[in-house]
C-alpha atoms as a PDB file:
ATOM      1  CA  MET A   1     -22.877 -29.831 -28.242  1.00  0.00           C
ATOM      2  CA  ALA A   2     -24.897 -27.376 -30.296  1.00  0.00           C
ATOM      3  CA  VAL A   3     -22.959 -26.201 -33.332  1.00  0.00           C
ATOM      4  CA  ARG A   4     -22.229 -22.478 -33.258  1.00  0.00           C
ATOM      5  CA  TRP A   5     -22.586 -21.635 -36.944  1.00  0.00           C
ATOM      6  CA  ASP A   6     -21.629 -18.022 -36.247  1.00  0.00           C
ATOM      7  CA  ARG A   7     -18.127 -19.298 -35.403  1.00  0.00           C
ATOM      8  CA  PHE A   8     -17.712 -20.787 -38.904  1.00  0.00           C
ATOM      9  CA  THR A   9     -16.079 -18.823 -41.713  1.00  0.00           C
ATOM     10  CA  VAL A  10     -18.217 -17.923 -44.709  1.00  0.00           C
ATOM     11  CA  LYS A  11     -16.556 -20.688 -46.787  1.00  0.00           C
ATOM     12  CA  ALA A  12     -17.101 -23.261 -44.022  1.00  0.00           C
ATOM     13  CA  GLN A  13     -20.771 -22.264 -43.768  1.00  0.00           C
ATOM     14  CA  GLN A  14     -21.120 -22.518 -47.540  1.00  0.00           C
ATOM     15  CA  ALA A  15     -19.501 -25.973 -47.502  1.00  0.00           C
ATOM     16  CA  VAL A  16     -21.919 -27.245 -44.849  1.00  0.00           C
ATOM     17  CA  GLN A  17     -24.849 -25.747 -46.768  1.00  0.00           C
ATOM     18  CA  ARG A  18     -23.660 -27.412 -49.989  1.00  0.00           C
ATOM     19  CA  ALA A  19     -23.171 -30.695 -48.098  1.00  0.00           C
ATOM     20  CA  ASN A  20     -26.764 -30.462 -46.920  1.00  0.00           C
ATOM     21  CA  GLU A  21     -27.885 -29.852 -50.513  1.00  0.00           C
ATOM     22  CA  LEU A  22     -25.902 -32.910 -51.668  1.00  0.00           C
ATOM     23  CA  ALA A  23     -27.622 -35.047 -49.050  1.00  0.00           C
ATOM     24  CA  ALA A  24     -31.041 -33.759 -50.127  1.00  0.00           C
ATOM     25  CA  GLU A  25     -30.262 -34.220 -53.844  1.00  0.00           C
ATOM     26  CA  HIS A  26     -29.381 -37.869 -53.208  1.00  0.00           C
ATOM     27  CA  GLY A  27     -32.328 -38.507 -50.888  1.00  0.00           C
ATOM     28  CA  ASN A  28     -30.019 -39.137 -47.925  1.00  0.00           C
ATOM     29  CA  PRO A  29     -31.864 -38.574 -44.643  1.00  0.00           C
ATOM     30  CA  GLU A  30     -28.670 -37.655 -42.783  1.00  0.00           C
ATOM     31  CA  LEU A  31     -25.859 -35.227 -43.442  1.00  0.00           C
ATOM     32  CA  MET A  32     -22.674 -37.298 -43.338  1.00  0.00           C
ATOM     33  CA  PRO A  33     -18.942 -36.446 -43.407  1.00  0.00           C
ATOM     34  CA  VAL A  34     -18.740 -37.696 -47.030  1.00  0.00           C
ATOM     35  CA  HIS A  35     -21.174 -34.935 -48.010  1.00  0.00           C
ATOM     36  CA  VAL A  36     -19.002 -32.351 -46.250  1.00  0.00           C
ATOM     37  CA  LEU A  37     -15.793 -33.594 -47.887  1.00  0.00           C
ATOM     38  CA  ALA A  38     -17.435 -33.610 -51.321  1.00  0.00           C
ATOM     39  CA  ALA A  39     -18.668 -30.039 -50.774  1.00  0.00           C
ATOM     40  CA  LEU A  40     -15.188 -28.909 -49.676  1.00  0.00           C
ATOM     41  CA  ILE A  41     -13.602 -30.391 -52.790  1.00  0.00           C
ATOM     42  CA  GLU A  42     -16.296 -29.027 -55.125  1.00  0.00           C
ATOM     43  CA  ASP A  43     -15.459 -25.451 -54.120  1.00  0.00           C
ATOM     44  CA  LYS A  44     -13.161 -24.342 -56.939  1.00  0.00           C
ATOM     45  CA  GLU A  45     -12.232 -21.124 -55.139  1.00  0.00           C
ATOM     46  CA  GLY A  46     -11.580 -22.783 -51.789  1.00  0.00           C
ATOM     47  CA  ILE A  47      -8.362 -23.859 -50.138  1.00  0.00           C
ATOM     48  CA  VAL A  48      -9.106 -27.597 -49.840  1.00  0.00           C
ATOM     49  CA  ALA A  49      -8.512 -28.672 -53.465  1.00  0.00           C
ATOM     50  CA  PRO A  50      -5.162 -26.790 -53.701  1.00  0.00           C
ATOM     51  CA  VAL A  51      -4.040 -28.308 -50.384  1.00  0.00           C
ATOM     52  CA  LEU A  52      -4.914 -31.795 -51.600  1.00  0.00           C
ATOM     53  CA  GLU A  53      -3.083 -31.157 -54.888  1.00  0.00           C
ATOM     54  CA  LYS A  54       0.022 -30.060 -52.945  1.00  0.00           C
ATOM     55  CA  ILE A  55       0.175 -33.485 -51.309  1.00  0.00           C
ATOM     56  CA  GLY A  56      -0.314 -35.285 -54.606  1.00  0.00           C
ATOM     57  CA  VAL A  57      -4.017 -36.066 -54.337  1.00  0.00           C
ATOM     58  CA  ARG A  58      -6.179 -35.468 -57.390  1.00  0.00           C
ATOM     59  CA  PRO A  59      -9.379 -33.836 -56.120  1.00  0.00           C
ATOM     60  CA  GLN A  60     -11.457 -35.119 -59.044  1.00  0.00           C
ATOM     61  CA  VAL A  61     -10.526 -38.728 -58.232  1.00  0.00           C
ATOM     62  CA  LEU A  62     -11.520 -38.177 -54.592  1.00  0.00           C
ATOM     63  CA  LEU A  63     -14.776 -36.607 -55.706  1.00  0.00           C
ATOM     64  CA  GLU A  64     -15.625 -39.636 -57.840  1.00  0.00           C
ATOM     65  CA  GLU A  65     -14.995 -41.990 -54.905  1.00  0.00           C
ATOM     66  CA  LEU A  66     -17.057 -39.768 -52.609  1.00  0.00           C
ATOM     67  CA  GLN A  67     -19.879 -39.770 -55.153  1.00  0.00           C
ATOM     68  CA  ALA A  68     -19.870 -43.572 -55.200  1.00  0.00           C
ATOM     69  CA  GLU A  69     -19.943 -43.607 -51.394  1.00  0.00           C
ATOM     70  CA  ILE A  70     -22.822 -41.114 -51.296  1.00  0.00           C
ATOM     71  CA  ASP A  71     -24.738 -43.298 -53.772  1.00  0.00           C
ATOM     72  CA  ARG A  72     -24.422 -46.207 -51.294  1.00  0.00           C
ATOM     73  CA  LEU A  73     -25.940 -44.256 -48.390  1.00  0.00           C
ATOM     74  CA  PRO A  74     -29.524 -44.952 -47.278  1.00  0.00           C
ATOM     75  CA  LYS A  75     -32.166 -43.028 -49.207  1.00  0.00           C
ATOM     76  CA  VAL A  76     -35.662 -41.846 -48.488  1.00  0.00           C
ATOM     77  CA  SER A  77     -38.171 -41.064 -51.191  1.00  0.00           C
ATOM     78  CA  GLY A  78     -40.974 -38.591 -51.222  1.00  0.00           C
ATOM     79  CA  GLY A  79     -40.819 -34.888 -50.475  1.00  0.00           C
ATOM     80  CA  THR A  80     -37.600 -32.963 -50.372  1.00  0.00           C
ATOM     81  CA  THR A  81     -36.657 -32.674 -46.758  1.00  0.00           C
ATOM     82  CA  GLU A  82     -33.557 -31.237 -45.199  1.00  0.00           C
ATOM     83  CA  ALA A  83     -31.176 -33.901 -43.993  1.00  0.00           C
ATOM     84  CA  SER A  84     -30.628 -34.119 -40.263  1.00  0.00           C
ATOM     85  CA  VAL A  85     -27.079 -33.858 -38.936  1.00  0.00           C
ATOM     86  CA  SER A  86     -25.761 -37.366 -38.273  1.00  0.00           C
ATOM     87  CA  LYS A  87     -23.813 -38.344 -35.176  1.00  0.00           C
ATOM     88  CA  ALA A  88     -20.690 -38.624 -37.378  1.00  0.00           C
ATOM     89  CA  ALA A  89     -21.209 -35.104 -38.782  1.00  0.00           C
ATOM     90  CA  ASN A  90     -21.655 -33.726 -35.262  1.00  0.00           C
ATOM     91  CA  GLN A  91     -18.418 -35.431 -34.292  1.00  0.00           C
ATOM     92  CA  LEU A  92     -16.777 -33.841 -37.350  1.00  0.00           C
ATOM     93  CA  PHE A  93     -17.934 -30.359 -36.320  1.00  0.00           C
ATOM     94  CA  GLU A  94     -16.712 -30.888 -32.743  1.00  0.00           C
ATOM     95  CA  LYS A  95     -13.305 -31.982 -34.023  1.00  0.00           C
ATOM     96  CA  ALA A  96     -13.204 -28.965 -36.353  1.00  0.00           C
ATOM     97  CA  PHE A  97     -13.705 -26.681 -33.349  1.00  0.00           C
ATOM     98  CA  GLN A  98     -10.848 -28.517 -31.605  1.00  0.00           C
ATOM     99  CA  GLU A  99      -8.639 -28.010 -34.666  1.00  0.00           C
ATOM    100  CA  ALA A 100      -9.453 -24.282 -34.716  1.00  0.00           C
ATOM    101  CA  SER A 101      -8.651 -24.081 -31.034  1.00  0.00           C
ATOM    102  CA  SER A 102      -5.309 -25.854 -31.481  1.00  0.00           C
ATOM    103  CA  PHE A 103      -4.394 -23.263 -34.170  1.00  0.00           C
ATOM    104  CA  LYS A 104      -5.611 -20.525 -31.804  1.00  0.00           C
ATOM    105  CA  ASP A 105      -8.037 -19.452 -34.526  1.00  0.00           C
ATOM    106  CA  GLU A 106     -11.226 -17.573 -33.735  1.00  0.00           C
ATOM    107  CA  TYR A 107     -13.334 -19.258 -36.435  1.00  0.00           C
ATOM    108  CA  VAL A 108     -13.712 -22.756 -37.861  1.00  0.00           C
ATOM    109  CA  SER A 109     -12.580 -22.651 -41.484  1.00  0.00           C
ATOM    110  CA  THR A 110     -12.540 -25.164 -44.304  1.00  0.00           C
ATOM    111  CA  GLU A 111      -9.043 -26.391 -43.447  1.00  0.00           C
ATOM    112  CA  HIS A 112     -10.212 -27.182 -39.894  1.00  0.00           C
ATOM    113  CA  LEU A 113     -13.030 -29.255 -41.390  1.00  0.00           C
ATOM    114  CA  LEU A 114     -10.539 -31.050 -43.659  1.00  0.00           C
ATOM    115  CA  LEU A 115      -8.180 -31.810 -40.772  1.00  0.00           C
ATOM    116  CA  ALA A 116     -11.079 -32.944 -38.586  1.00  0.00           C
ATOM    117  CA  LEU A 117     -12.142 -35.385 -41.325  1.00  0.00           C
ATOM    118  CA  THR A 118      -8.758 -37.127 -41.004  1.00  0.00           C
ATOM    119  CA  HIS A 119      -9.426 -37.802 -37.309  1.00  0.00           C
ATOM    120  CA  LEU A 120     -12.800 -39.525 -37.661  1.00  0.00           C
ATOM    121  CA  SER A 121     -12.529 -43.201 -36.862  1.00  0.00           C
ATOM    122  CA  ARG A 122     -14.254 -45.828 -38.999  1.00  0.00           C
ATOM    123  CA  ASP A 123     -15.671 -43.179 -41.314  1.00  0.00           C
ATOM    124  CA  ALA A 124     -15.874 -43.473 -45.108  1.00  0.00           C
ATOM    125  CA  ALA A 125     -14.592 -39.910 -45.730  1.00  0.00           C
ATOM    126  CA  GLN A 126     -11.577 -40.490 -43.462  1.00  0.00           C
ATOM    127  CA  GLN A 127     -10.842 -43.830 -45.140  1.00  0.00           C
ATOM    128  CA  ILE A 128     -10.986 -42.296 -48.624  1.00  0.00           C
ATOM    129  CA  LEU A 129      -8.594 -39.518 -47.571  1.00  0.00           C
ATOM    130  CA  ALA A 130      -6.217 -42.014 -45.926  1.00  0.00           C
ATOM    131  CA  ARG A 131      -6.249 -44.285 -48.981  1.00  0.00           C
ATOM    132  CA  HIS A 132      -4.910 -41.352 -51.016  1.00  0.00           C
ATOM    133  CA  GLY A 133      -2.280 -40.319 -48.467  1.00  0.00           C
ATOM    134  CA  ALA A 134      -4.226 -37.305 -47.239  1.00  0.00           C
ATOM    135  CA  THR A 135      -3.309 -37.786 -43.601  1.00  0.00           C
ATOM    136  CA  SER A 136      -3.388 -35.125 -40.936  1.00  0.00           C
ATOM    137  CA  ASP A 137       0.419 -34.700 -41.085  1.00  0.00           C
ATOM    138  CA  ALA A 138       0.482 -34.396 -44.879  1.00  0.00           C
ATOM    139  CA  ILE A 139      -2.358 -31.875 -44.839  1.00  0.00           C
ATOM    140  CA  LEU A 140      -0.680 -29.836 -42.089  1.00  0.00           C
ATOM    141  CA  LYS A 141       2.534 -29.587 -44.133  1.00  0.00           C
ATOM    142  CA  ALA A 142       0.642 -28.475 -47.230  1.00  0.00           C
ATOM    143  CA  LEU A 143      -1.430 -26.012 -45.217  1.00  0.00           C
ATOM    144  CA  THR A 144       1.697 -24.401 -43.826  1.00  0.00           C
ATOM    145  CA  SER A 145       2.831 -23.534 -47.336  1.00  0.00           C
ATOM    146  CA  VAL A 146      -0.573 -22.048 -48.239  1.00  0.00           C
ATOM    147  CA  ARG A 147      -1.572 -20.461 -44.963  1.00  0.00           C
ATOM    148  CA  GLY A 148       1.766 -19.751 -43.330  1.00  0.00           C
ATOM    149  CA  SER A 149       1.366 -18.563 -39.762  1.00  0.00           C
ATOM    150  CA  GLN A 150      -1.793 -16.534 -40.420  1.00  0.00           C
ATOM    151  CA  LYS A 151      -4.576 -16.809 -37.893  1.00  0.00           C
ATOM    152  CA  VAL A 152      -8.263 -17.079 -38.719  1.00  0.00           C
ATOM    153  CA  THR A 153      -9.522 -13.893 -37.107  1.00  0.00           C
ATOM    154  CA  ASP A 154     -12.489 -13.126 -39.354  1.00  0.00           C
ATOM    155  CA  GLN A 155     -15.092 -14.964 -41.379  1.00  0.00           C
ATOM    156  CA  ASN A 156     -13.312 -14.691 -44.737  1.00  0.00           C
ATOM    157  CA  PRO A 157      -9.663 -15.761 -44.267  1.00  0.00           C
ATOM    158  CA  GLU A 158      -9.636 -18.146 -47.241  1.00  0.00           C
ATOM    159  CA  ALA A 159      -9.764 -15.206 -49.662  1.00  0.00           C
ATOM    160  CA  LYS A 160      -6.567 -13.880 -48.108  1.00  0.00           C
ATOM    161  CA  TYR A 161      -4.785 -17.232 -48.479  1.00  0.00           C
ATOM    162  CA  GLN A 162      -5.747 -17.444 -52.114  1.00  0.00           C
ATOM    163  CA  ALA A 163      -4.660 -13.847 -52.762  1.00  0.00           C
ATOM    164  CA  LEU A 164      -1.310 -14.525 -51.121  1.00  0.00           C
ATOM    165  CA  GLU A 165      -0.893 -17.708 -53.100  1.00  0.00           C
ATOM    166  CA  ARG A 166      -1.750 -15.990 -56.401  1.00  0.00           C
ATOM    167  CA  TYR A 167       0.601 -13.087 -55.593  1.00  0.00           C
ATOM    168  CA  ALA A 168       3.416 -15.496 -54.722  1.00  0.00           C
ATOM    169  CA  LYS A 169       2.834 -17.421 -57.974  1.00  0.00           C
ATOM    170  CA  ASP A 170       2.928 -14.181 -59.984  1.00  0.00           C
ATOM    171  CA  LEU A 171       6.261 -13.160 -58.425  1.00  0.00           C
ATOM    172  CA  THR A 172       7.682 -16.632 -58.923  1.00  0.00           C
ATOM    173  CA  GLU A 173       6.550 -16.601 -62.554  1.00  0.00           C
ATOM    174  CA  GLN A 174       8.155 -13.188 -63.089  1.00  0.00           C
ATOM    175  CA  ALA A 175      11.415 -14.382 -61.566  1.00  0.00           C
ATOM    176  CA  ARG A 176      11.438 -17.467 -63.810  1.00  0.00           C
ATOM    177  CA  SER A 177      10.902 -15.357 -66.899  1.00  0.00           C
ATOM    178  CA  GLY A 178      13.693 -12.947 -65.945  1.00  0.00           C
ATOM    179  CA  HIS A 179      11.435 -10.053 -64.974  1.00  0.00           C
ATOM    180  CA  ARG A 180      11.839  -8.113 -61.805  1.00  0.00           C
ATOM    181  CA  SER A 181       9.841  -4.972 -61.208  1.00  0.00           C
ATOM    182  CA  GLY A 182       9.369  -4.632 -64.931  1.00  0.00           C
ATOM    183  CA  ARG A 183      13.128  -4.803 -65.684  1.00  0.00           C
ATOM    184  CA  ARG A 184      15.148  -7.536 -67.254  1.00  0.00           C
ATOM    185  CA  ASN A 185      18.738  -8.104 -66.248  1.00  0.00           C
ATOM    186  CA  PRO A 186      19.374  -5.439 -63.619  1.00  0.00           C
ATOM    187  CA  PRO A 187      22.751  -3.658 -63.942  1.00  0.00           C
ATOM    188  CA  ARG A 188      25.689  -5.156 -62.073  1.00  0.00           C
ATOM    189  CA  GLY A 189      28.881  -3.801 -60.588  1.00  0.00           C
ATOM    190  CA  ALA A 190      29.762  -0.463 -58.985  1.00  0.00           C
ATOM    191  CA  GLY A 191      26.849   1.921 -58.819  1.00  0.00           C
ATOM    192  CA  ALA A 192      24.443  -0.813 -59.903  1.00  0.00           C
ATOM    193  CA  LEU A 193      22.045  -0.184 -57.068  1.00  0.00           C
ATOM    194  CA  ALA A 194      21.814   3.540 -57.847  1.00  0.00           C
ATOM    195  CA  ALA A 195      21.328   2.847 -61.556  1.00  0.00           C
ATOM    196  CA  TYR A 196      18.729   0.178 -60.814  1.00  0.00           C
ATOM    197  CA  GLN A 197      16.728   2.513 -58.597  1.00  0.00           C
ATOM    198  CA  GLU A 198      16.477   5.257 -61.255  1.00  0.00           C
END
């Protein structure tokens, strides 16, 4: 199956591009799922690291293990060439399209790539995720709290998730500190609603 890059979100495209750069930087002749997972975690503005944190996985620890795994991959020396897409990476992209389809999403996003990584058999990236408890079920639960029931209908949905998450955090923080719409301790009792609305 030829990968339809135009059906990837901007963040997913950037992750695959970064994964390709990681492979080239390490002299790896093939783009592998470990490169993709490392690129997903490296993205500080993406959804993957927060999702992993929600399930108790420390992204930096995963990144260190992925780095060690990337260092063990075969290397070629000489000119800087673009890594070819490995059979495992192709399988990852196919599974990501299946994940998007199961969500009834129009585009493959970074969370589809993350979920697809959990379904690769005998793959180093999948094994690292599993070792840390980042299973498909755990990721799905965490995703629900970040993404809710939103559909991926354009190429930049991750920005919306992050905005919603930041907005929700701000409201939660205000509630904890006793603020509500700029007021502390709203009036109580008869006529409270009218007084509060003034």
